[in-house]
Amino acid sequence: MSKKMREGAKGQPCINCGVNDGTVVAAHYTGMRGHWFGKGTGTKVSDLCVADLCSRCHTAFDQYTMTTSDTSASGFAKKIDLSEQFMFAILNTLHRRIEDKIISVKGNKNYD
């Protein structure tokens, strides 16, 4: 686990909604493919799979109550959509961590 990855959320705006209300944390992925990233009973996914989320967005993703783009979708389709939205938030957070030099990418001239 990476304390730097988790602490990188401090003082950041929510990667999903943009709010900066002091509740933003590094929220671990809870989507449909969590087992691929280490999720198990009582075990969270890797710290590489976190998104900087405010308490409102964090709760909405964890409880599958985040609004989806397809209001006519079935329950399973909504879970897929929410899982993909969470993955998108994770990718944006990883990009933020690279820009903030919490993660270094050797040989990447854009971030050296």
N, C-alpha and C. Protein backbone atom coordinates (compact mmCIF):
# COMPACT_ATOMS: atom_id res chain seq x y z
N MET A 1 0.84 -1.18 0.00
CA MET A 1 0.00 0.00 0.00
C MET A 1 0.88 1.25 0.00
N SER A 2 0.40 2.27 -0.63
CA SER A 2 1.19 3.48 -0.78
C SER A 2 0.55 4.65 -0.04
N LYS A 3 1.18 5.03 1.04
CA LYS A 3 0.70 6.18 1.81
C LYS A 3 0.72 7.44 0.95
N LYS A 4 1.74 7.60 0.10
CA LYS A 4 1.82 8.78 -0.77
C LYS A 4 0.64 8.86 -1.72
N MET A 5 0.21 7.72 -2.26
CA MET A 5 -0.94 7.71 -3.17
C MET A 5 -2.20 8.15 -2.44
N ARG A 6 -2.39 7.63 -1.24
CA ARG A 6 -3.58 7.98 -0.48
C ARG A 6 -3.54 9.43 -0.03
N GLU A 7 -2.40 9.88 0.45
CA GLU A 7 -2.27 11.26 0.95
C GLU A 7 -2.30 12.29 -0.17
N GLY A 8 -2.10 11.85 -1.41
CA GLY A 8 -2.16 12.76 -2.55
C GLY A 8 -3.51 13.41 -2.73
N ALA A 9 -4.54 12.88 -2.10
CA ALA A 9 -5.90 13.43 -2.20
C ALA A 9 -6.10 14.67 -1.33
N LYS A 10 -5.23 14.85 -0.33
CA LYS A 10 -5.40 15.98 0.60
C LYS A 10 -5.34 17.30 -0.13
N GLY A 11 -6.36 18.12 0.10
CA GLY A 11 -6.41 19.45 -0.47
C GLY A 11 -6.82 19.51 -1.94
N GLN A 12 -7.10 18.36 -2.53
CA GLN A 12 -7.48 18.30 -3.95
C GLN A 12 -8.99 18.47 -4.10
N PRO A 13 -9.42 18.96 -5.26
CA PRO A 13 -10.86 18.94 -5.56
C PRO A 13 -11.27 17.53 -5.98
N CYS A 14 -12.53 17.24 -5.85
CA CYS A 14 -13.07 15.94 -6.27
C CYS A 14 -12.82 15.77 -7.77
N ILE A 15 -12.26 14.65 -8.15
CA ILE A 15 -11.96 14.38 -9.55
C ILE A 15 -13.24 14.15 -10.35
N ASN A 16 -14.34 13.86 -9.67
CA ASN A 16 -15.60 13.57 -10.34
C ASN A 16 -16.47 14.82 -10.51
N CYS A 17 -16.70 15.55 -9.42
CA CYS A 17 -17.62 16.69 -9.49
C CYS A 17 -16.94 18.04 -9.35
N GLY A 18 -15.68 18.06 -8.92
CA GLY A 18 -14.92 19.30 -8.82
C GLY A 18 -15.02 20.04 -7.50
N VAL A 19 -15.87 19.59 -6.60
CA VAL A 19 -16.02 20.28 -5.32
C VAL A 19 -14.73 20.15 -4.51
N ASN A 20 -14.39 21.20 -3.76
CA ASN A 20 -13.23 21.16 -2.87
C ASN A 20 -13.72 21.58 -1.49
N ASP A 21 -14.37 20.64 -0.81
CA ASP A 21 -15.03 20.93 0.46
C ASP A 21 -14.34 20.33 1.68
N GLY A 22 -13.10 19.84 1.49
CA GLY A 22 -12.36 19.27 2.61
C GLY A 22 -12.69 17.82 2.90
N THR A 23 -13.61 17.21 2.12
CA THR A 23 -13.97 15.81 2.36
C THR A 23 -13.32 14.85 1.37
N VAL A 24 -12.48 15.36 0.47
CA VAL A 24 -11.90 14.53 -0.59
C VAL A 24 -10.88 13.56 -0.01
N VAL A 25 -11.05 12.30 -0.37
CA VAL A 25 -10.13 11.22 0.04
C VAL A 25 -9.80 10.37 -1.18
N ALA A 26 -8.78 9.57 -1.06
CA ALA A 26 -8.42 8.60 -2.09
C ALA A 26 -9.34 7.39 -1.91
N ALA A 27 -10.40 7.34 -2.70
CA ALA A 27 -11.41 6.29 -2.59
C ALA A 27 -10.99 5.09 -3.43
N HIS A 28 -10.95 3.93 -2.81
CA HIS A 28 -10.58 2.70 -3.51
C HIS A 28 -11.70 2.21 -4.41
N TYR A 29 -11.32 1.73 -5.57
CA TYR A 29 -12.25 1.21 -6.58
C TYR A 29 -13.12 0.11 -5.98
N THR A 30 -14.41 0.23 -6.20
CA THR A 30 -15.37 -0.77 -5.72
C THR A 30 -16.19 -1.36 -6.87
N GLY A 31 -15.73 -1.15 -8.09
CA GLY A 31 -16.48 -1.59 -9.25
C GLY A 31 -16.46 -3.09 -9.48
N MET A 32 -17.01 -3.46 -10.61
CA MET A 32 -17.25 -4.86 -10.94
C MET A 32 -15.98 -5.69 -11.10
N ARG A 33 -14.86 -5.07 -11.41
CA ARG A 33 -13.62 -5.82 -11.66
C ARG A 33 -12.61 -5.68 -10.52
N GLY A 34 -13.08 -5.36 -9.36
CA GLY A 34 -12.20 -5.15 -8.21
C GLY A 34 -11.29 -6.33 -7.91
N HIS A 35 -11.78 -7.54 -8.13
CA HIS A 35 -10.97 -8.74 -7.83
C HIS A 35 -9.69 -8.77 -8.68
N TRP A 36 -9.71 -8.13 -9.85
CA TRP A 36 -8.51 -8.09 -10.70
C TRP A 36 -7.42 -7.22 -10.09
N PHE A 37 -7.80 -6.36 -9.15
CA PHE A 37 -6.85 -5.41 -8.57
C PHE A 37 -6.63 -5.66 -7.08
N GLY A 38 -6.95 -6.87 -6.62
CA GLY A 38 -6.64 -7.25 -5.25
C GLY A 38 -7.80 -7.26 -4.29
N LYS A 39 -9.00 -6.87 -4.72
CA LYS A 39 -10.14 -6.84 -3.80
C LYS A 39 -10.54 -8.26 -3.40
N GLY A 40 -10.81 -8.39 -2.14
CA GLY A 40 -11.28 -9.66 -1.60
C GLY A 40 -12.08 -9.37 -0.35
N THR A 41 -12.51 -10.39 0.32
CA THR A 41 -13.27 -10.21 1.56
C THR A 41 -12.38 -9.49 2.57
N GLY A 42 -12.78 -8.29 2.95
CA GLY A 42 -12.01 -7.51 3.92
C GLY A 42 -10.73 -6.91 3.35
N THR A 43 -10.54 -6.96 2.05
CA THR A 43 -9.32 -6.43 1.43
C THR A 43 -9.70 -5.43 0.34
N LYS A 44 -9.09 -4.25 0.40
CA LYS A 44 -9.34 -3.24 -0.62
C LYS A 44 -8.42 -3.50 -1.81
N VAL A 45 -8.75 -2.86 -2.92
CA VAL A 45 -7.90 -2.96 -4.11
C VAL A 45 -6.59 -2.21 -3.86
N SER A 46 -5.66 -2.38 -4.77
CA SER A 46 -4.38 -1.70 -4.72
C SER A 46 -4.56 -0.19 -4.62
N ASP A 47 -3.62 0.49 -4.00
CA ASP A 47 -3.66 1.94 -3.89
C ASP A 47 -3.45 2.62 -5.25
N LEU A 48 -3.07 1.88 -6.26
CA LEU A 48 -3.01 2.45 -7.61
C LEU A 48 -4.41 2.64 -8.18
N CYS A 49 -5.39 2.01 -7.56
CA CYS A 49 -6.78 2.07 -8.05
C CYS A 49 -7.62 2.94 -7.13
N VAL A 50 -7.20 4.19 -6.95
CA VAL A 50 -7.95 5.14 -6.13
C VAL A 50 -8.35 6.34 -6.97
N ALA A 51 -9.44 6.96 -6.57
CA ALA A 51 -9.90 8.20 -7.20
C ALA A 51 -10.11 9.22 -6.10
N ASP A 52 -9.70 10.46 -6.35
CA ASP A 52 -9.91 11.54 -5.38
C ASP A 52 -11.38 11.94 -5.41
N LEU A 53 -12.13 11.47 -4.43
CA LEU A 53 -13.57 11.71 -4.41
C LEU A 53 -14.01 12.42 -3.13
N CYS A 54 -14.96 13.33 -3.27
CA CYS A 54 -15.58 13.96 -2.10
C CYS A 54 -16.49 12.93 -1.43
N SER A 55 -16.94 13.25 -0.23
CA SER A 55 -17.77 12.28 0.49
C SER A 55 -19.05 11.94 -0.26
N ARG A 56 -19.65 12.93 -0.94
CA ARG A 56 -20.89 12.67 -1.69
C ARG A 56 -20.65 11.70 -2.84
N CYS A 57 -19.63 11.95 -3.65
CA CYS A 57 -19.34 11.07 -4.79
C CYS A 57 -18.86 9.70 -4.31
N HIS A 58 -18.04 9.68 -3.27
CA HIS A 58 -17.53 8.42 -2.71
C HIS A 58 -18.69 7.53 -2.30
N THR A 59 -19.63 8.09 -1.56
CA THR A 59 -20.80 7.33 -1.12
C THR A 59 -21.63 6.86 -2.31
N ALA A 60 -21.82 7.74 -3.28
CA ALA A 60 -22.64 7.39 -4.45
C ALA A 60 -22.02 6.24 -5.24
N PHE A 61 -20.70 6.25 -5.39
CA PHE A 61 -20.05 5.13 -6.09
C PHE A 61 -20.12 3.86 -5.26
N ASP A 62 -19.84 3.96 -3.97
CA ASP A 62 -19.85 2.77 -3.11
C ASP A 62 -21.23 2.12 -3.03
N GLN A 63 -22.27 2.93 -3.07
CA GLN A 63 -23.64 2.41 -2.93
C GLN A 63 -24.36 2.27 -4.27
N TYR A 64 -23.61 2.48 -5.37
CA TYR A 64 -24.18 2.38 -6.72
C TYR A 64 -25.39 3.29 -6.90
N THR A 65 -25.32 4.50 -6.33
CA THR A 65 -26.41 5.46 -6.49
C THR A 65 -26.01 6.64 -7.37
N MET A 66 -24.78 6.64 -7.87
CA MET A 66 -24.33 7.70 -8.78
C MET A 66 -25.22 7.67 -10.02
N THR A 67 -25.57 8.84 -10.53
CA THR A 67 -26.41 8.88 -11.72
C THR A 67 -25.62 8.36 -12.91
N THR A 68 -26.30 7.70 -13.82
CA THR A 68 -25.67 7.16 -15.01
C THR A 68 -26.18 7.90 -16.24
N SER A 69 -25.47 7.73 -17.33
CA SER A 69 -25.85 8.42 -18.56
C SER A 69 -27.07 7.80 -19.23
N ASP A 70 -27.34 6.52 -18.93
CA ASP A 70 -28.46 5.82 -19.58
C ASP A 70 -29.52 5.50 -18.52
N THR A 71 -30.56 6.33 -18.46
CA THR A 71 -31.59 6.14 -17.44
C THR A 71 -32.50 4.95 -17.73
N SER A 72 -32.47 4.43 -18.95
CA SER A 72 -33.31 3.28 -19.28
C SER A 72 -32.57 1.95 -19.11
N ALA A 73 -31.31 1.99 -18.70
CA ALA A 73 -30.50 0.79 -18.61
C ALA A 73 -30.98 -0.13 -17.49
N SER A 74 -30.72 -1.42 -17.66
CA SER A 74 -31.05 -2.41 -16.62
C SER A 74 -30.10 -2.24 -15.44
N GLY A 75 -30.39 -2.93 -14.35
CA GLY A 75 -29.53 -2.86 -13.18
C GLY A 75 -28.09 -3.25 -13.48
N PHE A 76 -27.92 -4.32 -14.26
CA PHE A 76 -26.58 -4.77 -14.62
C PHE A 76 -25.87 -3.74 -15.49
N ALA A 77 -26.57 -3.17 -16.44
CA ALA A 77 -25.98 -2.15 -17.32
C ALA A 77 -25.57 -0.92 -16.51
N LYS A 78 -26.36 -0.55 -15.52
CA LYS A 78 -26.01 0.59 -14.67
C LYS A 78 -24.74 0.30 -13.87
N LYS A 79 -24.60 -0.94 -13.39
CA LYS A 79 -23.38 -1.31 -12.66
C LYS A 79 -22.16 -1.22 -13.57
N ILE A 80 -22.31 -1.64 -14.81
CA ILE A 80 -21.21 -1.54 -15.77
C ILE A 80 -20.86 -0.07 -15.99
N ASP A 81 -21.86 0.77 -16.18
CA ASP A 81 -21.63 2.20 -16.41
C ASP A 81 -20.94 2.83 -15.21
N LEU A 82 -21.43 2.55 -14.01
CA LEU A 82 -20.81 3.11 -12.80
C LEU A 82 -19.38 2.62 -12.63
N SER A 83 -19.14 1.34 -12.92
CA SER A 83 -17.80 0.79 -12.83
C SER A 83 -16.86 1.52 -13.79
N GLU A 84 -17.34 1.78 -15.01
CA GLU A 84 -16.54 2.49 -16.00
C GLU A 84 -16.31 3.93 -15.58
N GLN A 85 -17.32 4.58 -15.01
CA GLN A 85 -17.15 5.96 -14.52
C GLN A 85 -16.10 6.01 -13.41
N PHE A 86 -16.10 5.02 -12.53
CA PHE A 86 -15.12 4.97 -11.44
C PHE A 86 -13.73 4.77 -12.03
N MET A 87 -13.60 3.88 -13.02
CA MET A 87 -12.30 3.67 -13.68
C MET A 87 -11.80 4.96 -14.33
N PHE A 88 -12.70 5.73 -14.95
CA PHE A 88 -12.33 7.00 -15.56
C PHE A 88 -11.81 7.96 -14.49
N ALA A 89 -12.46 8.00 -13.33
CA ALA A 89 -12.01 8.85 -12.22
C ALA A 89 -10.64 8.41 -11.73
N ILE A 90 -10.39 7.10 -11.71
CA ILE A 90 -9.08 6.57 -11.31
C ILE A 90 -8.01 7.02 -12.30
N LEU A 91 -8.29 6.91 -13.59
CA LEU A 91 -7.31 7.33 -14.60
C LEU A 91 -7.00 8.82 -14.47
N ASN A 92 -8.01 9.63 -14.23
CA ASN A 92 -7.77 11.06 -14.03
C ASN A 92 -6.96 11.32 -12.77
N THR A 93 -7.20 10.55 -11.73
CA THR A 93 -6.43 10.69 -10.50
C THR A 93 -4.98 10.27 -10.72
N LEU A 94 -4.75 9.19 -11.47
CA LEU A 94 -3.38 8.78 -11.78
C LEU A 94 -2.65 9.87 -12.55
N HIS A 95 -3.34 10.48 -13.50
CA HIS A 95 -2.76 11.60 -14.25
C HIS A 95 -2.38 12.74 -13.30
N ARG A 96 -3.27 13.03 -12.34
CA ARG A 96 -3.00 14.07 -11.34
C ARG A 96 -1.78 13.72 -10.51
N ARG A 97 -1.66 12.44 -10.10
CA ARG A 97 -0.51 12.03 -9.28
C ARG A 97 0.80 12.17 -10.07
N ILE A 98 0.76 11.92 -11.37
CA ILE A 98 1.95 12.09 -12.20
C ILE A 98 2.30 13.57 -12.30
N GLU A 99 1.30 14.41 -12.56
CA GLU A 99 1.55 15.86 -12.64
C GLU A 99 2.08 16.41 -11.32
N ASP A 100 1.59 15.87 -10.21
CA ASP A 100 2.04 16.31 -8.88
C ASP A 100 3.34 15.63 -8.45
N LYS A 101 3.90 14.80 -9.33
CA LYS A 101 5.16 14.09 -9.11
C LYS A 101 5.11 13.12 -7.92
N ILE A 102 3.93 12.61 -7.63
CA ILE A 102 3.78 11.56 -6.62
C ILE A 102 4.13 10.23 -7.28
N ILE A 103 3.79 10.11 -8.55
CA ILE A 103 4.19 8.96 -9.37
C ILE A 103 5.15 9.50 -10.43
N SER A 104 6.27 8.82 -10.60
CA SER A 104 7.18 9.24 -11.67
C SER A 104 7.13 8.22 -12.80
N VAL A 105 7.24 8.74 -14.00
CA VAL A 105 7.23 7.90 -15.19
C VAL A 105 8.56 8.12 -15.88
N LYS A 106 9.46 7.17 -15.74
CA LYS A 106 10.79 7.30 -16.33
C LYS A 106 10.70 7.36 -17.85
N GLY A 107 11.46 8.27 -18.43
CA GLY A 107 11.52 8.39 -19.87
C GLY A 107 10.36 9.16 -20.47
N ASN A 108 9.45 9.67 -19.66
CA ASN A 108 8.32 10.44 -20.18
C ASN A 108 8.71 11.92 -20.15
N LYS A 109 9.09 12.45 -21.31
CA LYS A 109 9.57 13.84 -21.37
C LYS A 109 8.52 14.86 -20.97
N ASN A 110 7.25 14.48 -21.01
CA ASN A 110 6.19 15.41 -20.62
C ASN A 110 6.13 15.64 -19.12
N TYR A 111 6.71 14.74 -18.32
CA TYR A 111 6.60 14.85 -16.88
C TYR A 111 7.94 14.85 -16.15
N ASP A 112 9.02 14.92 -16.88
CA ASP A 112 10.35 14.94 -16.22
C ASP A 112 10.62 16.30 -15.62
